[in-house]
């Protein structure tokens, strides 16, 4: 899972990022409304945490602009103002939920779970497909058939989660790069191919029937191979 934080208050942005990363959630951060639109319109995020008071475009304008661009990523707006008018403005602009500062980490994570659940994705401790199970908290990939397991590094774990959330679906190279390395990381196809190769070797070691299959000029998909 990858979340975009649009917040110009450095201490709060740091705190939000720390909470999310502690729960194995990837984070990108920007500090202006214009950057929020530029990053958000990539469609690479599972949720956007959006402050109201921002340099350039404010949070209401960011939400409205993203919705006009047909970006349906869930938006959780953050504000220091606790009044009905502000909340109505945010919801009318396209936000899905609203939180008033200060708030607890538990409430933040609960709100994110609700918003991502509406998109068919829930923050889970493990993901499974056929005879393979990935344990998110330990980054351990295991095969039920052979009882073998292996630890994945950070990038491998992020990629594996994406494939396990959408098995038998083609995941395009550009989207994989954005979700795992970030919008402006400079990573390219070579970086992605190297990590796909690492994962393939680990799947072979596990002895699973699952494999990462290349789809010419498009990307990759996780599927069961013939015995």
C-alpha atoms as a PDB file:
ATOM      1  CA  UNK A   1       0.000   0.000   0.000  1.00  0.00           C
ATOM      2  CA  UNK A   2       1.236   3.523  -0.805  1.00  0.00           C
ATOM      3  CA  UNK A   3      -0.194   6.722   0.651  1.00  0.00           C
ATOM      4  CA  UNK A   4       0.372  10.331  -0.397  1.00  0.00           C
ATOM      5  CA  UNK A   5       0.712  12.925   2.386  1.00  0.00           C
ATOM      6  CA  UNK A   6      -0.023  16.504   1.306  1.00  0.00           C
ATOM      7  CA  UNK A   7       0.991  18.557   4.343  1.00  0.00           C
ATOM      8  CA  UNK A   8       3.215  21.639   4.673  1.00  0.00           C
ATOM      9  CA  UNK A   9       3.662  21.409   8.459  1.00  0.00           C
ATOM     10  CA  UNK A  10       6.912  19.465   8.692  1.00  0.00           C
ATOM     11  CA  UNK A  11       6.421  18.038  12.188  1.00  0.00           C
ATOM     12  CA  UNK A  12       2.969  16.722  11.400  1.00  0.00           C
ATOM     13  CA  UNK A  13       4.103  15.292   8.075  1.00  0.00           C
ATOM     14  CA  UNK A  14       6.987  13.548   9.858  1.00  0.00           C
ATOM     15  CA  UNK A  15       4.612  12.110  12.466  1.00  0.00           C
ATOM     16  CA  UNK A  16       2.128  10.887   9.852  1.00  0.00           C
ATOM     17  CA  UNK A  17       4.881   9.262   7.801  1.00  0.00           C
ATOM     18  CA  UNK A  18       6.318   7.532  10.889  1.00  0.00           C
ATOM     19  CA  UNK A  19       2.926   6.090  11.866  1.00  0.00           C
ATOM     20  CA  UNK A  20       2.289   4.739   8.377  1.00  0.00           C
ATOM     21  CA  UNK A  21       5.762   3.328   7.785  1.00  0.00           C
ATOM     22  CA  UNK A  22       5.626   1.567  11.152  1.00  0.00           C
ATOM     23  CA  UNK A  23       2.680  -0.364   9.697  1.00  0.00           C
ATOM     24  CA  UNK A  24       4.544  -1.286   6.492  1.00  0.00           C
ATOM     25  CA  UNK A  25       2.810   1.396   4.412  1.00  0.00           C
ATOM     26  CA  UNK A  26       4.832   3.212   1.740  1.00  0.00           C
ATOM     27  CA  UNK A  27       4.679   7.009   1.888  1.00  0.00           C
ATOM     28  CA  UNK A  28       5.297   9.920  -0.485  1.00  0.00           C
ATOM     29  CA  UNK A  29       5.220  13.468   0.909  1.00  0.00           C
ATOM     30  CA  UNK A  30       4.625  16.836  -0.716  1.00  0.00           C
ATOM     31  CA  UNK A  31       4.168  20.256   0.889  1.00  0.00           C
ATOM     32  CA  UNK A  32       1.992  22.251  -1.531  1.00  0.00           C
ATOM     33  CA  UNK A  33      -1.390  21.975  -3.170  1.00  0.00           C
ATOM     34  CA  UNK A  34       0.054  22.096  -6.678  1.00  0.00           C
ATOM     35  CA  UNK A  35       2.419  19.209  -5.897  1.00  0.00           C
ATOM     36  CA  UNK A  36      -0.517  17.337  -4.363  1.00  0.00           C
ATOM     37  CA  UNK A  37      -2.365  17.504  -7.670  1.00  0.00           C
ATOM     38  CA  UNK A  38       0.727  16.520  -9.681  1.00  0.00           C
ATOM     39  CA  UNK A  39       1.388  13.459  -7.544  1.00  0.00           C
ATOM     40  CA  UNK A  40      -2.249  12.554  -6.944  1.00  0.00           C
ATOM     41  CA  UNK A  41      -3.215  12.502 -10.599  1.00  0.00           C
ATOM     42  CA  UNK A  42      -0.745   9.669 -11.213  1.00  0.00           C
ATOM     43  CA  UNK A  43      -3.354   7.332  -9.708  1.00  0.00           C
ATOM     44  CA  UNK A  44      -0.561   5.455  -7.939  1.00  0.00           C
ATOM     45  CA  UNK A  45      -1.877   5.887  -4.385  1.00  0.00           C
ATOM     46  CA  UNK A  46      -4.303   3.885  -2.280  1.00  0.00           C
ATOM     47  CA  UNK A  47      -5.245   6.912  -0.162  1.00  0.00           C
ATOM     48  CA  UNK A  48      -4.377  10.633   0.051  1.00  0.00           C
ATOM     49  CA  UNK A  49      -3.999  12.469   3.382  1.00  0.00           C
ATOM     50  CA  UNK A  50      -4.749  16.065   2.468  1.00  0.00           C
ATOM     51  CA  UNK A  51      -4.311  19.167   4.630  1.00  0.00           C
ATOM     52  CA  UNK A  52      -6.698  22.085   4.082  1.00  0.00           C
ATOM     53  CA  UNK A  53      -4.301  25.020   4.536  1.00  0.00           C
ATOM     54  CA  UNK A  54      -1.542  24.660   1.937  1.00  0.00           C
ATOM     55  CA  UNK A  55       0.729  26.884  -0.153  1.00  0.00           C
ATOM     56  CA  UNK A  56      -0.685  27.370  -3.636  1.00  0.00           C
ATOM     57  CA  UNK A  57      -3.922  25.463  -4.084  1.00  0.00           C
ATOM     58  CA  UNK A  58      -5.714  24.761  -0.798  1.00  0.00           C
ATOM     59  CA  UNK A  59      -6.955  21.309   0.145  1.00  0.00           C
ATOM     60  CA  UNK A  60     -10.472  21.941  -1.142  1.00  0.00           C
ATOM     61  CA  UNK A  61      -9.100  22.972  -4.542  1.00  0.00           C
ATOM     62  CA  UNK A  62      -6.779  19.949  -4.655  1.00  0.00           C
ATOM     63  CA  UNK A  63      -9.636  17.548  -3.951  1.00  0.00           C
ATOM     64  CA  UNK A  64     -11.902  19.211  -6.501  1.00  0.00           C
ATOM     65  CA  UNK A  65      -9.173  19.228  -9.168  1.00  0.00           C
ATOM     66  CA  UNK A  66      -8.401  15.532  -8.676  1.00  0.00           C
ATOM     67  CA  UNK A  67     -12.073  14.601  -8.918  1.00  0.00           C
ATOM     68  CA  UNK A  68     -12.429  16.681 -12.093  1.00  0.00           C
ATOM     69  CA  UNK A  69      -9.508  14.677 -13.507  1.00  0.00           C
ATOM     70  CA  UNK A  70     -11.461  11.471 -12.723  1.00  0.00           C
ATOM     71  CA  UNK A  71      -9.048  10.395  -9.974  1.00  0.00           C
ATOM     72  CA  UNK A  72     -11.088   8.306  -7.512  1.00  0.00           C
ATOM     73  CA  UNK A  73      -8.370   7.704  -4.902  1.00  0.00           C
ATOM     74  CA  UNK A  74      -9.884   8.021  -1.386  1.00  0.00           C
ATOM     75  CA  UNK A  75      -9.109  11.405   0.190  1.00  0.00           C
ATOM     76  CA  UNK A  76      -8.890  11.913   3.948  1.00  0.00           C
ATOM     77  CA  UNK A  77      -8.816  15.646   4.703  1.00  0.00           C
ATOM     78  CA  UNK A  78      -6.951  16.997   7.733  1.00  0.00           C
ATOM     79  CA  UNK A  79      -7.768  20.330   9.368  1.00  0.00           C
ATOM     80  CA  UNK A  80      -7.293  22.257  12.592  1.00  0.00           C
ATOM     81  CA  UNK A  81     -10.767  23.727  12.186  1.00  0.00           C
ATOM     82  CA  UNK A  82     -13.581  21.732  13.766  1.00  0.00           C
ATOM     83  CA  UNK A  83     -16.749  23.180  12.312  1.00  0.00           C
ATOM     84  CA  UNK A  84     -19.545  21.882  10.133  1.00  0.00           C
ATOM     85  CA  UNK A  85     -18.998  24.418   7.348  1.00  0.00           C
ATOM     86  CA  UNK A  86     -15.388  23.299   6.770  1.00  0.00           C
ATOM     87  CA  UNK A  87     -16.387  19.646   6.745  1.00  0.00           C
ATOM     88  CA  UNK A  88     -19.208  20.242   4.282  1.00  0.00           C
ATOM     89  CA  UNK A  89     -16.862  22.184   1.997  1.00  0.00           C
ATOM     90  CA  UNK A  90     -14.360  19.344   2.044  1.00  0.00           C
ATOM     91  CA  UNK A  91     -16.939  16.658   1.327  1.00  0.00           C
ATOM     92  CA  UNK A  92     -18.496  18.733  -1.436  1.00  0.00           C
ATOM     93  CA  UNK A  93     -15.052  19.192  -2.986  1.00  0.00           C
ATOM     94  CA  UNK A  94     -14.650  15.429  -3.245  1.00  0.00           C
ATOM     95  CA  UNK A  95     -13.107  14.289   0.058  1.00  0.00           C
ATOM     96  CA  UNK A  96     -14.263  10.937   1.425  1.00  0.00           C
ATOM     97  CA  UNK A  97     -13.655  11.609   5.106  1.00  0.00           C
ATOM     98  CA  UNK A  98     -12.490  14.326   7.498  1.00  0.00           C
ATOM     99  CA  UNK A  99     -10.239  14.368  10.586  1.00  0.00           C
ATOM    100  CA  UNK A 100      -9.664  17.264  12.966  1.00  0.00           C
ATOM    101  CA  UNK A 101      -6.171  17.832  14.406  1.00  0.00           C
ATOM    102  CA  UNK A 102      -4.952  16.559  16.799  1.00  0.00           C
ATOM    103  CA  UNK A 103      -5.918  12.906  16.392  1.00  0.00           C
ATOM    104  CA  UNK A 104      -4.603   9.562  17.612  1.00  0.00           C
ATOM    105  CA  UNK A 105      -2.595   7.129  15.465  1.00  0.00           C
ATOM    106  CA  UNK A 106      -5.264   4.498  16.102  1.00  0.00           C
ATOM    107  CA  UNK A 107      -8.000   6.726  14.693  1.00  0.00           C
ATOM    108  CA  UNK A 108      -5.906   7.597  11.643  1.00  0.00           C
ATOM    109  CA  UNK A 109      -5.252   3.949  10.822  1.00  0.00           C
ATOM    110  CA  UNK A 110      -8.903   3.057  11.410  1.00  0.00           C
ATOM    111  CA  UNK A 111     -10.074   5.754   8.996  1.00  0.00           C
ATOM    112  CA  UNK A 112      -7.587   4.564   6.366  1.00  0.00           C
ATOM    113  CA  UNK A 113      -8.801   0.978   6.768  1.00  0.00           C
ATOM    114  CA  UNK A 114     -12.383   2.067   6.178  1.00  0.00           C
ATOM    115  CA  UNK A 115     -11.497   4.103   3.095  1.00  0.00           C
ATOM    116  CA  UNK A 116      -9.346   1.397   1.510  1.00  0.00           C
ATOM    117  CA  UNK A 117     -11.918  -1.280   2.340  1.00  0.00           C
ATOM    118  CA  UNK A 118     -14.414   0.625   0.210  1.00  0.00           C
ATOM    119  CA  UNK A 119     -12.063   0.083  -2.726  1.00  0.00           C
ATOM    120  CA  UNK A 120     -11.849  -3.636  -2.002  1.00  0.00           C
ATOM    121  CA  UNK A 121      -8.493  -3.409  -0.239  1.00  0.00           C
ATOM    122  CA  UNK A 122      -7.992  -3.860   3.484  1.00  0.00           C
ATOM    123  CA  UNK A 123      -4.835  -3.537   5.555  1.00  0.00           C
ATOM    124  CA  UNK A 124      -4.136  -7.190   6.380  1.00  0.00           C
ATOM    125  CA  UNK A 125      -1.354  -9.043   8.156  1.00  0.00           C
ATOM    126  CA  UNK A 126      -1.048 -11.668   5.422  1.00  0.00           C
ATOM    127  CA  UNK A 127      -1.874 -12.171   1.753  1.00  0.00           C
ATOM    128  CA  UNK A 128      -2.310 -15.524   0.026  1.00  0.00           C
ATOM    129  CA  UNK A 129      -2.667 -16.935  -3.475  1.00  0.00           C
ATOM    130  CA  UNK A 130      -2.799 -20.659  -4.215  1.00  0.00           C
ATOM    131  CA  UNK A 131       0.010 -22.253  -2.131  1.00  0.00           C
ATOM    132  CA  UNK A 132       1.888 -19.002  -1.358  1.00  0.00           C
ATOM    133  CA  UNK A 133       1.402 -16.804   1.721  1.00  0.00           C
ATOM    134  CA  UNK A 134       3.144 -13.509   2.479  1.00  0.00           C
ATOM    135  CA  UNK A 135       3.280 -12.353   6.115  1.00  0.00           C
ATOM    136  CA  UNK A 136       3.397  -8.546   6.018  1.00  0.00           C
ATOM    137  CA  UNK A 137       4.611  -7.957   9.571  1.00  0.00           C
ATOM    138  CA  UNK A 138       7.656 -10.222   9.137  1.00  0.00           C
ATOM    139  CA  UNK A 139       8.175  -9.867   5.349  1.00  0.00           C
ATOM    140  CA  UNK A 140       8.219 -13.669   5.141  1.00  0.00           C
ATOM    141  CA  UNK A 141       7.072 -15.445   1.973  1.00  0.00           C
ATOM    142  CA  UNK A 142       6.081 -19.073   2.527  1.00  0.00           C
ATOM    143  CA  UNK A 143       4.918 -22.027   0.430  1.00  0.00           C
ATOM    144  CA  UNK A 144       2.245 -24.182   2.052  1.00  0.00           C
ATOM    145  CA  UNK A 145       3.056 -27.177  -0.154  1.00  0.00           C
ATOM    146  CA  UNK A 146       6.777 -27.438   0.617  1.00  0.00           C
ATOM    147  CA  UNK A 147       6.789 -25.728   4.049  1.00  0.00           C
ATOM    148  CA  UNK A 148       9.689 -23.578   2.889  1.00  0.00           C
ATOM    149  CA  UNK A 149       9.914 -19.861   3.622  1.00  0.00           C
ATOM    150  CA  UNK A 150      12.161 -16.947   2.746  1.00  0.00           C
ATOM    151  CA  UNK A 151      12.521 -13.359   3.963  1.00  0.00           C
ATOM    152  CA  UNK A 152      11.971 -10.598   1.382  1.00  0.00           C
ATOM    153  CA  UNK A 153      13.757  -7.262   1.434  1.00  0.00           C
ATOM    154  CA  UNK A 154      11.781  -4.018   1.387  1.00  0.00           C
ATOM    155  CA  UNK A 155      11.377  -3.579  -2.377  1.00  0.00           C
ATOM    156  CA  UNK A 156      10.712  -7.284  -2.928  1.00  0.00           C
ATOM    157  CA  UNK A 157       8.019  -7.171  -0.248  1.00  0.00           C
ATOM    158  CA  UNK A 158       6.309  -4.169  -1.829  1.00  0.00           C
ATOM    159  CA  UNK A 159       6.254  -5.835  -5.240  1.00  0.00           C
ATOM    160  CA  UNK A 160       5.021  -9.156  -3.869  1.00  0.00           C
ATOM    161  CA  UNK A 161       2.140  -7.451  -2.081  1.00  0.00           C
ATOM    162  CA  UNK A 162       1.029  -5.798  -5.323  1.00  0.00           C
ATOM    163  CA  UNK A 163       1.014  -9.120  -7.183  1.00  0.00           C
ATOM    164  CA  UNK A 164      -0.749 -10.972  -4.370  1.00  0.00           C
ATOM    165  CA  UNK A 165      -3.465  -8.318  -4.177  1.00  0.00           C
ATOM    166  CA  UNK A 166      -4.189  -8.754  -7.897  1.00  0.00           C
ATOM    167  CA  UNK A 167      -3.271 -12.327  -8.899  1.00  0.00           C
ATOM    168  CA  UNK A 168      -3.821 -13.312 -12.534  1.00  0.00           C
ATOM    169  CA  UNK A 169      -3.922  -9.603 -13.465  1.00  0.00           C
ATOM    170  CA  UNK A 170      -1.366  -7.823 -15.635  1.00  0.00           C
ATOM    171  CA  UNK A 171       0.417  -5.117 -13.636  1.00  0.00           C
ATOM    172  CA  UNK A 172       1.971  -2.543 -15.934  1.00  0.00           C
ATOM    173  CA  UNK A 173       5.629  -1.624 -15.532  1.00  0.00           C
ATOM    174  CA  UNK A 174       5.045   2.106 -15.057  1.00  0.00           C
ATOM    175  CA  UNK A 175       2.511   1.583 -12.272  1.00  0.00           C
ATOM    176  CA  UNK A 176       4.765  -0.916 -10.504  1.00  0.00           C
ATOM    177  CA  UNK A 177       7.670   1.536 -10.593  1.00  0.00           C
ATOM    178  CA  UNK A 178       5.561   4.417  -9.259  1.00  0.00           C
ATOM    179  CA  UNK A 179       4.006   2.358  -6.477  1.00  0.00           C
ATOM    180  CA  UNK A 180       7.263   0.787  -5.268  1.00  0.00           C
ATOM    181  CA  UNK A 181       9.921   3.435  -5.988  1.00  0.00           C
ATOM    182  CA  UNK A 182       7.821   6.598  -5.973  1.00  0.00           C
ATOM    183  CA  UNK A 183       6.571   9.180  -8.432  1.00  0.00           C
ATOM    184  CA  UNK A 184       9.891  10.995  -9.033  1.00  0.00           C
ATOM    185  CA  UNK A 185      12.425   8.373  -7.937  1.00  0.00           C
ATOM    186  CA  UNK A 186      14.236   8.069 -11.278  1.00  0.00           C
ATOM    187  CA  UNK A 187      13.848   4.281 -11.202  1.00  0.00           C
ATOM    188  CA  UNK A 188      13.366   2.621 -14.602  1.00  0.00           C
ATOM    189  CA  UNK A 189      12.601  -0.741 -16.214  1.00  0.00           C
ATOM    190  CA  UNK A 190      16.061  -2.063 -15.324  1.00  0.00           C
ATOM    191  CA  UNK A 191      15.418  -1.543 -11.610  1.00  0.00           C
ATOM    192  CA  UNK A 192      12.084  -3.302 -11.875  1.00  0.00           C
ATOM    193  CA  UNK A 193      13.443  -6.203 -13.916  1.00  0.00           C
ATOM    194  CA  UNK A 194      16.219  -6.784 -11.377  1.00  0.00           C
ATOM    195  CA  UNK A 195      13.736  -7.140  -8.523  1.00  0.00           C
ATOM    196  CA  UNK A 196      11.405  -9.303 -10.582  1.00  0.00           C
ATOM    197  CA  UNK A 197      14.402 -11.584 -11.148  1.00  0.00           C
ATOM    198  CA  UNK A 198      15.095 -11.699  -7.392  1.00  0.00           C
ATOM    199  CA  UNK A 199      11.478 -12.655  -6.678  1.00  0.00           C
ATOM    200  CA  UNK A 200      11.451 -15.329  -9.368  1.00  0.00           C
ATOM    201  CA  UNK A 201      14.514 -16.983  -7.838  1.00  0.00           C
ATOM    202  CA  UNK A 202      12.872 -16.991  -4.414  1.00  0.00           C
ATOM    203  CA  UNK A 203       9.665 -18.491  -5.806  1.00  0.00           C
ATOM    204  CA  UNK A 204      11.737 -21.259  -7.403  1.00  0.00           C
ATOM    205  CA  UNK A 205      13.510 -21.862  -4.086  1.00  0.00           C
ATOM    206  CA  UNK A 206      10.137 -22.156  -2.322  1.00  0.00           C
ATOM    207  CA  UNK A 207       8.989 -24.824  -4.783  1.00  0.00           C
ATOM    208  CA  UNK A 208       5.638 -23.142  -5.377  1.00  0.00           C
ATOM    209  CA  UNK A 209       3.481 -23.561  -8.479  1.00  0.00           C
ATOM    210  CA  UNK A 210       3.154 -19.762  -8.644  1.00  0.00           C
ATOM    211  CA  UNK A 211       5.318 -17.741 -10.998  1.00  0.00           C
ATOM    212  CA  UNK A 212       5.791 -14.163 -12.190  1.00  0.00           C
ATOM    213  CA  UNK A 213       5.094 -14.241 -15.910  1.00  0.00           C
ATOM    214  CA  UNK A 214       6.198 -11.533 -18.345  1.00  0.00           C
ATOM    215  CA  UNK A 215       3.566 -10.013 -20.617  1.00  0.00           C
ATOM    216  CA  UNK A 216       5.275  -8.555 -23.680  1.00  0.00           C
ATOM    217  CA  UNK A 217       5.375  -4.731 -23.837  1.00  0.00           C
ATOM    218  CA  UNK A 218       3.081  -4.477 -20.817  1.00  0.00           C
ATOM    219  CA  UNK A 219       4.312  -5.853 -17.518  1.00  0.00           C
ATOM    220  CA  UNK A 220       3.989  -8.929 -15.327  1.00  0.00           C
ATOM    221  CA  UNK A 221       1.377 -11.081 -13.624  1.00  0.00           C
ATOM    222  CA  UNK A 222       1.368 -13.665 -10.867  1.00  0.00           C
ATOM    223  CA  UNK A 223      -0.199 -16.930 -11.975  1.00  0.00           C
ATOM    224  CA  UNK A 224      -0.085 -20.680 -11.431  1.00  0.00           C
ATOM    225  CA  UNK A 225       2.112 -22.542 -13.884  1.00  0.00           C
ATOM    226  CA  UNK A 226       1.468 -26.035 -15.236  1.00  0.00           C
ATOM    227  CA  UNK A 227       3.101 -28.856 -13.307  1.00  0.00           C
END
